[in-house]
Amino acid sequence: MKNHHMVILVDSTSHALRIEQILVRHLIPCKMIPVPRHLSSDCGVCVRIEAGDWEKIKELLVQQKAAYREVHGL
């Protein structure tokens, strides 16, 4: 079964907010959520995205120099 969503883990809430703002500005669906229990992160929040958008988002985050730690499928 394919994952429909992914989460972008970050080191701080401010990084999550910045990523969310970038994605909203580019009309990419996303939602800030608590980090799922089975994943670890120094920050309590992450950004949930649709899995099919990841390649586009990855390029955008590199262009915008937006820091993130790792990405996991849900």
C-alpha atoms as a PDB file:
ATOM      1  CA  MET A   1       0.000   0.000   0.000  1.00  0.00           C
ATOM      2  CA  LYS A   2       1.345   3.413  -0.953  1.00  0.00           C
ATOM      3  CA  ASN A   3       1.585   6.191   1.588  1.00  0.00           C
ATOM      4  CA  HIS A   4      -0.790   9.041   0.874  1.00  0.00           C
ATOM      5  CA  HIS A   5       0.858  11.456   3.269  1.00  0.00           C
ATOM      6  CA  MET A   6       4.337  12.246   4.442  1.00  0.00           C
ATOM      7  CA  VAL A   7       5.617  14.307   7.344  1.00  0.00           C
ATOM      8  CA  ILE A   8       8.516  16.727   7.262  1.00  0.00           C
ATOM      9  CA  LEU A   9      10.356  16.630  10.596  1.00  0.00           C
ATOM     10  CA  VAL A  10      12.112  19.789  11.730  1.00  0.00           C
ATOM     11  CA  ASP A  11      14.346  20.940  14.583  1.00  0.00           C
ATOM     12  CA  SER A  12      12.095  23.745  15.797  1.00  0.00           C
ATOM     13  CA  THR A  13       8.582  25.108  15.609  1.00  0.00           C
ATOM     14  CA  SER A  14       9.894  28.144  13.742  1.00  0.00           C
ATOM     15  CA  HIS A  15      11.236  25.864  10.983  1.00  0.00           C
ATOM     16  CA  ALA A  16       7.828  24.161  10.728  1.00  0.00           C
ATOM     17  CA  LEU A  17       6.087  27.535  10.516  1.00  0.00           C
ATOM     18  CA  ARG A  18       8.480  28.707   7.794  1.00  0.00           C
ATOM     19  CA  ILE A  19       7.923  25.557   5.727  1.00  0.00           C
ATOM     20  CA  GLU A  20       4.163  25.853   6.154  1.00  0.00           C
ATOM     21  CA  GLN A  21       4.272  29.506   5.019  1.00  0.00           C
ATOM     22  CA  ILE A  22       6.336  28.628   1.938  1.00  0.00           C
ATOM     23  CA  LEU A  23       3.964  25.833   0.949  1.00  0.00           C
ATOM     24  CA  VAL A  24       0.833  27.913   1.515  1.00  0.00           C
ATOM     25  CA  ARG A  25       2.329  30.744  -0.537  1.00  0.00           C
ATOM     26  CA  HIS A  26       2.862  28.243  -3.400  1.00  0.00           C
ATOM     27  CA  LEU A  27      -0.662  26.775  -2.983  1.00  0.00           C
ATOM     28  CA  ILE A  28       0.637  23.351  -1.907  1.00  0.00           C
ATOM     29  CA  PRO A  29      -1.665  21.559   0.562  1.00  0.00           C
ATOM     30  CA  CYS A  30      -0.081  21.033   3.977  1.00  0.00           C
ATOM     31  CA  LYS A  31      -0.935  20.980   7.658  1.00  0.00           C
ATOM     32  CA  MET A  32       1.134  21.442  10.783  1.00  0.00           C
ATOM     33  CA  ILE A  33       0.487  18.481  13.128  1.00  0.00           C
ATOM     34  CA  PRO A  34       2.003  16.928  16.269  1.00  0.00           C
ATOM     35  CA  VAL A  35       4.873  14.545  15.492  1.00  0.00           C
ATOM     36  CA  PRO A  36       3.475  10.977  15.347  1.00  0.00           C
ATOM     37  CA  ARG A  37       4.513   8.906  18.381  1.00  0.00           C
ATOM     38  CA  HIS A  38       6.447   6.340  16.346  1.00  0.00           C
ATOM     39  CA  LEU A  39       8.748   9.057  14.983  1.00  0.00           C
ATOM     40  CA  SER A  40      11.243  11.010  17.025  1.00  0.00           C
ATOM     41  CA  SER A  41      12.017  14.685  16.689  1.00  0.00           C
ATOM     42  CA  ASP A  42      13.419  17.413  18.890  1.00  0.00           C
ATOM     43  CA  CYS A  43      10.405  19.495  17.968  1.00  0.00           C
ATOM     44  CA  GLY A  44       6.826  18.563  18.867  1.00  0.00           C
ATOM     45  CA  VAL A  45       5.357  19.561  15.507  1.00  0.00           C
ATOM     46  CA  CYS A  46       5.891  18.566  11.895  1.00  0.00           C
ATOM     47  CA  VAL A  47       4.385  19.442   8.524  1.00  0.00           C
ATOM     48  CA  ARG A  48       2.114  16.877   6.851  1.00  0.00           C
ATOM     49  CA  ILE A  49       2.092  16.895   3.056  1.00  0.00           C
ATOM     50  CA  GLU A  50       0.651  14.756   0.294  1.00  0.00           C
ATOM     51  CA  ALA A  51       3.214  12.147  -0.780  1.00  0.00           C
ATOM     52  CA  GLY A  52       2.812  12.987  -4.463  1.00  0.00           C
ATOM     53  CA  ASP A  53       3.943  16.572  -3.815  1.00  0.00           C
ATOM     54  CA  TRP A  54       7.272  15.651  -2.176  1.00  0.00           C
ATOM     55  CA  GLU A  55       9.580  16.080  -5.206  1.00  0.00           C
ATOM     56  CA  LYS A  56       8.133  19.527  -5.941  1.00  0.00           C
ATOM     57  CA  ILE A  57       8.319  20.484  -2.248  1.00  0.00           C
ATOM     58  CA  LYS A  58      11.913  19.262  -1.901  1.00  0.00           C
ATOM     59  CA  GLU A  59      13.012  21.497  -4.777  1.00  0.00           C
ATOM     60  CA  LEU A  60      11.104  24.432  -3.316  1.00  0.00           C
ATOM     61  CA  LEU A  61      12.656  23.984   0.146  1.00  0.00           C
ATOM     62  CA  VAL A  62      16.149  23.894  -1.374  1.00  0.00           C
ATOM     63  CA  GLN A  63      15.421  27.067  -3.385  1.00  0.00           C
ATOM     64  CA  GLN A  64      14.073  28.818  -0.278  1.00  0.00           C
ATOM     65  CA  LYS A  65      16.889  27.476   1.946  1.00  0.00           C
ATOM     66  CA  ALA A  66      14.311  26.083   4.384  1.00  0.00           C
ATOM     67  CA  ALA A  67      15.827  23.657   6.896  1.00  0.00           C
ATOM     68  CA  TYR A  68      14.276  20.296   7.691  1.00  0.00           C
ATOM     69  CA  ARG A  69      15.588  17.171   9.388  1.00  0.00           C
ATOM     70  CA  GLU A  70      13.985  14.253   7.563  1.00  0.00           C
ATOM     71  CA  VAL A  71      10.847  13.058   5.798  1.00  0.00           C
ATOM     72  CA  HIS A  72       8.731   9.977   6.606  1.00  0.00           C
ATOM     73  CA  GLY A  73       5.751   8.340   4.972  1.00  0.00           C
ATOM     74  CA  LEU A  74       2.578   7.840   6.993  1.00  0.00           C
END
